[in-house]
Amino acid sequence: MNPPPEEALLQERRRATVFTSYQLKKAGWLELKYSLDALFAIALFIVCLPVLALAILAIKLTSRGPVFFKQRRVGENGQLFEILKLRTM
């Protein structure tokens, strides 16, 4: 015999636990995630470094002026920040 629909819904909610960031932080998972994110970013930067070096060299050889330019942008909560971009145009 199946439980009433309300009871089945409550049972499903109990099984499908959603973890909040507080619960993950308390368990130590956020520190692990941040560490893995940082390691992945560093590894990806190292892999992309030769391509970036070739782009910098091509920009420097084909045009005058700086390789990078700064651009002001609006970030979270309306705060301004500067971003460095390759001067490709």
C-alpha atoms as a PDB file:
ATOM      1  CA  MET A   1       0.000   0.000   0.000  1.00  0.00           C
ATOM      2  CA  ASN A   2       1.383   3.411  -0.993  1.00  0.00           C
ATOM      3  CA  PRO A   3       1.565   6.252   1.531  1.00  0.00           C
ATOM      4  CA  PRO A   4      -0.668   9.297   1.016  1.00  0.00           C
ATOM      5  CA  PRO A   5       0.744  11.899  -1.420  1.00  0.00           C
ATOM      6  CA  GLU A   6       1.645  14.332   1.373  1.00  0.00           C
ATOM      7  CA  GLU A   7       3.623  11.668   3.230  1.00  0.00           C
ATOM      8  CA  ALA A   8       5.378  10.566   0.031  1.00  0.00           C
ATOM      9  CA  LEU A   9       6.400  14.182  -0.612  1.00  0.00           C
ATOM     10  CA  LEU A  10       7.780  14.535   2.913  1.00  0.00           C
ATOM     11  CA  GLN A  11       9.743  11.298   2.542  1.00  0.00           C
ATOM     12  CA  GLU A  12      11.198  12.509  -0.770  1.00  0.00           C
ATOM     13  CA  ARG A  13      12.252  15.802   0.810  1.00  0.00           C
ATOM     14  CA  ARG A  14      14.006  13.938   3.621  1.00  0.00           C
ATOM     15  CA  ARG A  15      15.944  11.821   1.106  1.00  0.00           C
ATOM     16  CA  ALA A  16      16.949  14.736  -1.162  1.00  0.00           C
ATOM     17  CA  THR A  17      19.011  16.748   1.292  1.00  0.00           C
ATOM     18  CA  VAL A  18      20.315  20.033  -0.052  1.00  0.00           C
ATOM     19  CA  PHE A  19      23.539  21.124   1.589  1.00  0.00           C
ATOM     20  CA  THR A  20      23.978  24.789   2.363  1.00  0.00           C
ATOM     21  CA  SER A  21      27.353  26.513   2.194  1.00  0.00           C
ATOM     22  CA  TYR A  22      27.325  26.694   5.994  1.00  0.00           C
ATOM     23  CA  GLN A  23      26.948  22.922   6.264  1.00  0.00           C
ATOM     24  CA  LEU A  24      29.684  22.358   3.692  1.00  0.00           C
ATOM     25  CA  LYS A  25      31.990  24.815   5.468  1.00  0.00           C
ATOM     26  CA  LYS A  26      31.329  23.149   8.785  1.00  0.00           C
ATOM     27  CA  ALA A  27      32.263  19.791   7.268  1.00  0.00           C
ATOM     28  CA  GLY A  28      35.448  21.196   5.712  1.00  0.00           C
ATOM     29  CA  TRP A  29      34.335  20.722   2.119  1.00  0.00           C
ATOM     30  CA  LEU A  30      34.535  24.391   1.137  1.00  0.00           C
ATOM     31  CA  GLU A  31      38.225  24.550   2.006  1.00  0.00           C
ATOM     32  CA  LEU A  32      38.809  21.472  -0.137  1.00  0.00           C
ATOM     33  CA  LYS A  33      36.813  22.997  -3.012  1.00  0.00           C
ATOM     34  CA  TYR A  34      38.721  26.293  -2.844  1.00  0.00           C
ATOM     35  CA  SER A  35      42.026  24.419  -2.767  1.00  0.00           C
ATOM     36  CA  LEU A  36      41.082  22.300  -5.770  1.00  0.00           C
ATOM     37  CA  ASP A  37      39.861  25.401  -7.629  1.00  0.00           C
ATOM     38  CA  ALA A  38      43.187  27.146  -6.986  1.00  0.00           C
ATOM     39  CA  LEU A  39      45.221  24.102  -8.071  1.00  0.00           C
ATOM     40  CA  PHE A  40      43.143  23.732 -11.234  1.00  0.00           C
ATOM     41  CA  ALA A  41      43.549  27.451 -12.054  1.00  0.00           C
ATOM     42  CA  ILE A  42      47.319  27.277 -11.582  1.00  0.00           C
ATOM     43  CA  ALA A  43      47.594  24.143 -13.726  1.00  0.00           C
ATOM     44  CA  LEU A  44      45.439  25.681 -16.460  1.00  0.00           C
ATOM     45  CA  PHE A  45      47.527  28.873 -16.372  1.00  0.00           C
ATOM     46  CA  ILE A  46      50.720  26.835 -16.815  1.00  0.00           C
ATOM     47  CA  VAL A  47      49.187  24.949 -19.759  1.00  0.00           C
ATOM     48  CA  CYS A  48      48.010  28.206 -21.410  1.00  0.00           C
ATOM     49  CA  LEU A  49      51.236  30.115 -20.750  1.00  0.00           C
ATOM     50  CA  PRO A  50      52.950  29.192 -24.074  1.00  0.00           C
ATOM     51  CA  VAL A  51      49.921  30.372 -26.076  1.00  0.00           C
ATOM     52  CA  LEU A  52      49.813  33.597 -24.063  1.00  0.00           C
ATOM     53  CA  ALA A  53      53.544  34.134 -24.645  1.00  0.00           C
ATOM     54  CA  LEU A  54      53.089  33.667 -28.406  1.00  0.00           C
ATOM     55  CA  ALA A  55      50.207  36.152 -28.437  1.00  0.00           C
ATOM     56  CA  ILE A  56      52.266  38.715 -26.505  1.00  0.00           C
ATOM     57  CA  LEU A  57      55.182  38.242 -28.897  1.00  0.00           C
ATOM     58  CA  ALA A  58      52.931  38.602 -31.968  1.00  0.00           C
ATOM     59  CA  ILE A  59      51.374  41.798 -30.609  1.00  0.00           C
ATOM     60  CA  LYS A  60      54.772  43.259 -29.791  1.00  0.00           C
ATOM     61  CA  LEU A  61      56.240  42.417 -33.218  1.00  0.00           C
ATOM     62  CA  THR A  62      53.308  43.637 -35.309  1.00  0.00           C
ATOM     63  CA  SER A  63      52.377  46.919 -33.626  1.00  0.00           C
ATOM     64  CA  ARG A  64      53.684  49.755 -31.531  1.00  0.00           C
ATOM     65  CA  GLY A  65      52.446  50.516 -28.062  1.00  0.00           C
ATOM     66  CA  PRO A  66      51.817  48.455 -24.979  1.00  0.00           C
ATOM     67  CA  VAL A  67      50.821  44.806 -25.119  1.00  0.00           C
ATOM     68  CA  PHE A  68      48.137  45.203 -22.455  1.00  0.00           C
ATOM     69  CA  PHE A  69      45.551  47.878 -21.895  1.00  0.00           C
ATOM     70  CA  LYS A  70      43.483  48.644 -18.818  1.00  0.00           C
ATOM     71  CA  GLN A  71      39.740  48.938 -18.923  1.00  0.00           C
ATOM     72  CA  ARG A  72      37.463  50.006 -16.109  1.00  0.00           C
ATOM     73  CA  ARG A  73      34.396  47.862 -15.584  1.00  0.00           C
ATOM     74  CA  VAL A  74      31.506  47.708 -13.188  1.00  0.00           C
ATOM     75  CA  GLY A  75      31.569  44.684 -10.917  1.00  0.00           C
ATOM     76  CA  GLU A  76      29.420  43.246  -8.210  1.00  0.00           C
ATOM     77  CA  ASN A  77      27.386  45.782  -6.222  1.00  0.00           C
ATOM     78  CA  GLY A  78      28.333  48.509  -8.711  1.00  0.00           C
ATOM     79  CA  GLN A  79      31.998  48.607  -7.670  1.00  0.00           C
ATOM     80  CA  LEU A  80      34.495  49.663 -10.331  1.00  0.00           C
ATOM     81  CA  PHE A  81      37.571  47.566 -11.049  1.00  0.00           C
ATOM     82  CA  GLU A  82      40.287  47.553 -13.695  1.00  0.00           C
ATOM     83  CA  ILE A  83      40.838  44.620 -16.005  1.00  0.00           C
ATOM     84  CA  LEU A  84      43.993  43.970 -18.021  1.00  0.00           C
ATOM     85  CA  LYS A  85      43.402  42.837 -21.585  1.00  0.00           C
ATOM     86  CA  LEU A  86      45.653  41.936 -24.489  1.00  0.00           C
ATOM     87  CA  ARG A  87      45.629  44.699 -27.103  1.00  0.00           C
ATOM     88  CA  THR A  88      44.480  42.615 -30.068  1.00  0.00           C
ATOM     89  CA  MET A  89      42.775  45.180 -32.305  1.00  0.00           C
END
